[in-house]
């Protein structure tokens, strides 16, 4: 599934502003502001991001701390710090596509099978951005089942249905 990333940043007196503009111009959908009050807007597909990740990283490093900078994933405003996670997953996927034995790439330390992605280290009940409240939620995914063997997790559907 292709995703869309949008970055909005204003003109800046930063010494990195010209570099940020040059990096943004490497992408197909960059609209440079003609006014100092308007936003420069960059829209990137996840496919284009994988190809031009170096330009994206340079741009993001320059603009992420500027006042008024915003980043969106599929039109949902993100916390700027979440870009680190998106970047890690994107880099991992690019490496996965270049790996000879792809199944081994997704294993933790090339020996243990994870949750089919070695970067997935937690599972939350809610997927709408409420990650910061995960540890305070009453019902966690692991409360609805048990391991019936070393490789099989059995979900107990009765308590889920009663919710």
C-alpha atoms as a PDB file:
ATOM      1  CA  UNK A   1       0.000   0.000   0.000  1.00  0.00           C
ATOM      2  CA  UNK A   2       1.482   3.323  -1.069  1.00  0.00           C
ATOM      3  CA  UNK A   3       1.493   6.108   1.467  1.00  0.00           C
ATOM      4  CA  UNK A   4       1.827   9.855   1.054  1.00  0.00           C
ATOM      5  CA  UNK A   5       4.119  12.023   3.127  1.00  0.00           C
ATOM      6  CA  UNK A   6       3.701  15.787   3.147  1.00  0.00           C
ATOM      7  CA  UNK A   7       6.128  18.274   4.649  1.00  0.00           C
ATOM      8  CA  UNK A   8       5.208  21.917   5.125  1.00  0.00           C
ATOM      9  CA  UNK A   9       7.918  24.403   6.066  1.00  0.00           C
ATOM     10  CA  UNK A  10       8.228  28.163   5.915  1.00  0.00           C
ATOM     11  CA  UNK A  11      10.987  30.349   4.580  1.00  0.00           C
ATOM     12  CA  UNK A  12      13.798  30.617   7.093  1.00  0.00           C
ATOM     13  CA  UNK A  13      16.863  32.704   7.835  1.00  0.00           C
ATOM     14  CA  UNK A  14      18.716  29.469   8.624  1.00  0.00           C
ATOM     15  CA  UNK A  15      21.994  28.871   6.830  1.00  0.00           C
ATOM     16  CA  UNK A  16      20.463  25.540   5.771  1.00  0.00           C
ATOM     17  CA  UNK A  17      17.457  27.063   3.983  1.00  0.00           C
ATOM     18  CA  UNK A  18      18.981  27.052   0.478  1.00  0.00           C
ATOM     19  CA  UNK A  19      20.159  23.477   0.959  1.00  0.00           C
ATOM     20  CA  UNK A  20      16.668  22.473   2.112  1.00  0.00           C
ATOM     21  CA  UNK A  21      15.135  24.014  -1.018  1.00  0.00           C
ATOM     22  CA  UNK A  22      17.651  22.252  -3.277  1.00  0.00           C
ATOM     23  CA  UNK A  23      16.863  18.900  -1.635  1.00  0.00           C
ATOM     24  CA  UNK A  24      13.100  19.504  -1.892  1.00  0.00           C
ATOM     25  CA  UNK A  25      13.434  20.320  -5.602  1.00  0.00           C
ATOM     26  CA  UNK A  26      14.693  16.761  -6.179  1.00  0.00           C
ATOM     27  CA  UNK A  27      11.110  15.554  -5.705  1.00  0.00           C
ATOM     28  CA  UNK A  28       8.315  15.636  -8.275  1.00  0.00           C
ATOM     29  CA  UNK A  29       5.710  17.436  -6.162  1.00  0.00           C
ATOM     30  CA  UNK A  30       7.426  20.396  -4.538  1.00  0.00           C
ATOM     31  CA  UNK A  31       5.683  23.758  -4.439  1.00  0.00           C
ATOM     32  CA  UNK A  32       8.030  26.512  -3.373  1.00  0.00           C
ATOM     33  CA  UNK A  33       6.404  29.443  -1.630  1.00  0.00           C
ATOM     34  CA  UNK A  34       6.538  32.808  -3.343  1.00  0.00           C
ATOM     35  CA  UNK A  35       5.742  34.592  -0.101  1.00  0.00           C
ATOM     36  CA  UNK A  36       7.605  34.498   3.197  1.00  0.00           C
ATOM     37  CA  UNK A  37       4.302  33.869   4.989  1.00  0.00           C
ATOM     38  CA  UNK A  38       3.221  30.851   2.938  1.00  0.00           C
ATOM     39  CA  UNK A  39       4.431  27.305   3.344  1.00  0.00           C
ATOM     40  CA  UNK A  40       6.783  25.437   1.045  1.00  0.00           C
ATOM     41  CA  UNK A  41       4.954  22.157   0.480  1.00  0.00           C
ATOM     42  CA  UNK A  42       6.481  18.836  -0.505  1.00  0.00           C
ATOM     43  CA  UNK A  43       4.376  15.750  -1.200  1.00  0.00           C
ATOM     44  CA  UNK A  44       6.138  12.412  -1.537  1.00  0.00           C
ATOM     45  CA  UNK A  45       4.832   8.920  -2.209  1.00  0.00           C
ATOM     46  CA  UNK A  46       6.367   6.086  -0.217  1.00  0.00           C
ATOM     47  CA  UNK A  47       7.767   4.727  -3.492  1.00  0.00           C
ATOM     48  CA  UNK A  48       9.526   8.007  -4.297  1.00  0.00           C
ATOM     49  CA  UNK A  49      10.774   8.207  -0.705  1.00  0.00           C
ATOM     50  CA  UNK A  50      12.556   4.868  -1.045  1.00  0.00           C
ATOM     51  CA  UNK A  51      14.319   6.010  -4.207  1.00  0.00           C
ATOM     52  CA  UNK A  52      15.280   9.458  -2.920  1.00  0.00           C
ATOM     53  CA  UNK A  53      15.753   8.741   0.772  1.00  0.00           C
ATOM     54  CA  UNK A  54      19.101  10.580   0.912  1.00  0.00           C
ATOM     55  CA  UNK A  55      17.543  13.838  -0.302  1.00  0.00           C
ATOM     56  CA  UNK A  56      14.616  13.375   2.076  1.00  0.00           C
ATOM     57  CA  UNK A  57      16.873  12.797   5.081  1.00  0.00           C
ATOM     58  CA  UNK A  58      18.945  15.890   4.288  1.00  0.00           C
ATOM     59  CA  UNK A  59      15.790  17.989   3.911  1.00  0.00           C
ATOM     60  CA  UNK A  60      14.187  16.647   7.083  1.00  0.00           C
ATOM     61  CA  UNK A  61      17.336  17.190   9.163  1.00  0.00           C
ATOM     62  CA  UNK A  62      17.381  20.822   8.025  1.00  0.00           C
ATOM     63  CA  UNK A  63      13.703  21.714   8.564  1.00  0.00           C
ATOM     64  CA  UNK A  64      12.423  19.469  11.366  1.00  0.00           C
ATOM     65  CA  UNK A  65      13.164  21.938  14.168  1.00  0.00           C
ATOM     66  CA  UNK A  66      12.066  25.106  12.346  1.00  0.00           C
ATOM     67  CA  UNK A  67       9.068  26.915  13.754  1.00  0.00           C
ATOM     68  CA  UNK A  68       5.913  25.984  11.852  1.00  0.00           C
ATOM     69  CA  UNK A  69       7.296  22.838  10.194  1.00  0.00           C
ATOM     70  CA  UNK A  70       4.650  20.135   9.917  1.00  0.00           C
ATOM     71  CA  UNK A  71       4.769  16.584   8.607  1.00  0.00           C
ATOM     72  CA  UNK A  72       1.822  14.428   7.588  1.00  0.00           C
ATOM     73  CA  UNK A  73       1.410  10.769   6.761  1.00  0.00           C
ATOM     74  CA  UNK A  74      -1.679  10.166   4.632  1.00  0.00           C
ATOM     75  CA  UNK A  75      -3.052  13.586   5.683  1.00  0.00           C
ATOM     76  CA  UNK A  76      -2.629  12.814   9.392  1.00  0.00           C
ATOM     77  CA  UNK A  77      -0.409  15.245  11.301  1.00  0.00           C
ATOM     78  CA  UNK A  78       2.537  13.419  12.863  1.00  0.00           C
ATOM     79  CA  UNK A  79       4.748  14.118  15.807  1.00  0.00           C
ATOM     80  CA  UNK A  80       8.065  15.131  14.147  1.00  0.00           C
ATOM     81  CA  UNK A  81       9.901  12.501  16.222  1.00  0.00           C
ATOM     82  CA  UNK A  82       7.917   9.700  14.571  1.00  0.00           C
ATOM     83  CA  UNK A  83       9.827  10.350  11.342  1.00  0.00           C
ATOM     84  CA  UNK A  84      12.760   8.529  12.888  1.00  0.00           C
ATOM     85  CA  UNK A  85      10.652   5.353  13.061  1.00  0.00           C
ATOM     86  CA  UNK A  86       9.309   5.801   9.527  1.00  0.00           C
ATOM     87  CA  UNK A  87      12.838   6.359   8.292  1.00  0.00           C
ATOM     88  CA  UNK A  88      14.098   3.199   9.992  1.00  0.00           C
ATOM     89  CA  UNK A  89      11.326   1.075   8.486  1.00  0.00           C
ATOM     90  CA  UNK A  90      11.886   2.596   5.043  1.00  0.00           C
ATOM     91  CA  UNK A  91      15.639   1.909   5.175  1.00  0.00           C
ATOM     92  CA  UNK A  92      14.990  -1.620   6.371  1.00  0.00           C
ATOM     93  CA  UNK A  93      12.563  -2.262   3.512  1.00  0.00           C
ATOM     94  CA  UNK A  94      15.066  -0.994   0.922  1.00  0.00           C
ATOM     95  CA  UNK A  95      17.675  -3.348   2.400  1.00  0.00           C
ATOM     96  CA  UNK A  96      15.115  -6.171   2.377  1.00  0.00           C
ATOM     97  CA  UNK A  97      14.524  -5.721  -1.365  1.00  0.00           C
ATOM     98  CA  UNK A  98      18.295  -5.945  -1.986  1.00  0.00           C
ATOM     99  CA  UNK A  99      18.847  -9.003   0.221  1.00  0.00           C
ATOM    100  CA  UNK A 100      19.438 -12.389  -1.384  1.00  0.00           C
ATOM    101  CA  UNK A 101      17.649 -14.389   1.339  1.00  0.00           C
ATOM    102  CA  UNK A 102      14.818 -12.044   2.291  1.00  0.00           C
ATOM    103  CA  UNK A 103      13.364 -14.295   5.008  1.00  0.00           C
ATOM    104  CA  UNK A 104      16.658 -14.096   6.924  1.00  0.00           C
ATOM    105  CA  UNK A 105      16.698 -10.296   6.659  1.00  0.00           C
ATOM    106  CA  UNK A 106      13.505 -10.031   8.710  1.00  0.00           C
ATOM    107  CA  UNK A 107      14.784 -12.234  11.505  1.00  0.00           C
ATOM    108  CA  UNK A 108      16.123 -10.731  14.710  1.00  0.00           C
ATOM    109  CA  UNK A 109      19.913 -11.130  14.623  1.00  0.00           C
ATOM    110  CA  UNK A 110      19.484 -13.462  11.613  1.00  0.00           C
ATOM    111  CA  UNK A 111      18.467 -16.333  13.895  1.00  0.00           C
ATOM    112  CA  UNK A 112      15.169 -15.622  15.647  1.00  0.00           C
ATOM    113  CA  UNK A 113      11.867 -15.075  13.905  1.00  0.00           C
ATOM    114  CA  UNK A 114      10.095 -11.975  15.139  1.00  0.00           C
ATOM    115  CA  UNK A 115       6.591 -10.720  14.373  1.00  0.00           C
ATOM    116  CA  UNK A 116       7.481 -10.942  10.647  1.00  0.00           C
ATOM    117  CA  UNK A 117       9.371  -7.661  10.966  1.00  0.00           C
ATOM    118  CA  UNK A 118      12.404  -7.223  13.158  1.00  0.00           C
ATOM    119  CA  UNK A 119      11.511  -3.571  13.732  1.00  0.00           C
ATOM    120  CA  UNK A 120       8.094  -4.386  15.195  1.00  0.00           C
ATOM    121  CA  UNK A 121       8.709  -4.381  18.916  1.00  0.00           C
ATOM    122  CA  UNK A 122       5.243  -3.706  20.286  1.00  0.00           C
ATOM    123  CA  UNK A 123       1.616  -4.198  19.377  1.00  0.00           C
ATOM    124  CA  UNK A 124      -1.080  -1.801  20.471  1.00  0.00           C
ATOM    125  CA  UNK A 125      -4.833  -2.156  20.489  1.00  0.00           C
ATOM    126  CA  UNK A 126      -5.301   1.281  18.929  1.00  0.00           C
ATOM    127  CA  UNK A 127      -3.699   2.273  15.656  1.00  0.00           C
ATOM    128  CA  UNK A 128      -4.808   5.882  15.459  1.00  0.00           C
ATOM    129  CA  UNK A 129      -1.818   7.631  16.955  1.00  0.00           C
ATOM    130  CA  UNK A 130      -2.500   7.022  20.640  1.00  0.00           C
ATOM    131  CA  UNK A 131       0.800   5.200  21.053  1.00  0.00           C
ATOM    132  CA  UNK A 132       1.930   7.353  23.959  1.00  0.00           C
ATOM    133  CA  UNK A 133      -0.969   6.011  26.058  1.00  0.00           C
ATOM    134  CA  UNK A 134      -0.229   2.350  25.298  1.00  0.00           C
ATOM    135  CA  UNK A 135       1.105   1.446  28.743  1.00  0.00           C
ATOM    136  CA  UNK A 136      -1.854   3.122  30.453  1.00  0.00           C
ATOM    137  CA  UNK A 137      -4.533   1.245  28.515  1.00  0.00           C
ATOM    138  CA  UNK A 138      -6.579  -1.292  30.444  1.00  0.00           C
ATOM    139  CA  UNK A 139      -6.672  -4.004  27.776  1.00  0.00           C
ATOM    140  CA  UNK A 140      -3.461  -5.076  26.124  1.00  0.00           C
ATOM    141  CA  UNK A 141      -3.305  -7.501  23.210  1.00  0.00           C
ATOM    142  CA  UNK A 142      -1.525 -10.173  25.242  1.00  0.00           C
ATOM    143  CA  UNK A 143      -4.366 -10.357  27.762  1.00  0.00           C
ATOM    144  CA  UNK A 144      -6.564 -12.098  25.176  1.00  0.00           C
ATOM    145  CA  UNK A 145      -4.795 -15.390  24.706  1.00  0.00           C
ATOM    146  CA  UNK A 146      -1.818 -17.569  25.449  1.00  0.00           C
ATOM    147  CA  UNK A 147       0.905 -19.585  23.787  1.00  0.00           C
ATOM    148  CA  UNK A 148      -0.296 -23.149  23.202  1.00  0.00           C
ATOM    149  CA  UNK A 149       3.106 -24.151  21.845  1.00  0.00           C
ATOM    150  CA  UNK A 150       6.421 -22.348  21.384  1.00  0.00           C
ATOM    151  CA  UNK A 151       5.248 -21.038  17.980  1.00  0.00           C
ATOM    152  CA  UNK A 152       1.454 -20.725  18.272  1.00  0.00           C
ATOM    153  CA  UNK A 153      -0.487 -17.971  20.032  1.00  0.00           C
ATOM    154  CA  UNK A 154      -4.140 -18.837  20.620  1.00  0.00           C
ATOM    155  CA  UNK A 155      -6.539 -15.885  20.828  1.00  0.00           C
ATOM    156  CA  UNK A 156      -9.314 -16.111  23.414  1.00  0.00           C
ATOM    157  CA  UNK A 157     -12.223 -14.465  21.597  1.00  0.00           C
ATOM    158  CA  UNK A 158     -14.761 -14.623  24.473  1.00  0.00           C
ATOM    159  CA  UNK A 159     -13.469 -11.630  26.453  1.00  0.00           C
ATOM    160  CA  UNK A 160     -13.018  -9.642  23.250  1.00  0.00           C
ATOM    161  CA  UNK A 161     -16.642 -10.292  22.260  1.00  0.00           C
ATOM    162  CA  UNK A 162     -17.840  -9.179  25.708  1.00  0.00           C
ATOM    163  CA  UNK A 163     -16.179  -5.768  25.421  1.00  0.00           C
END
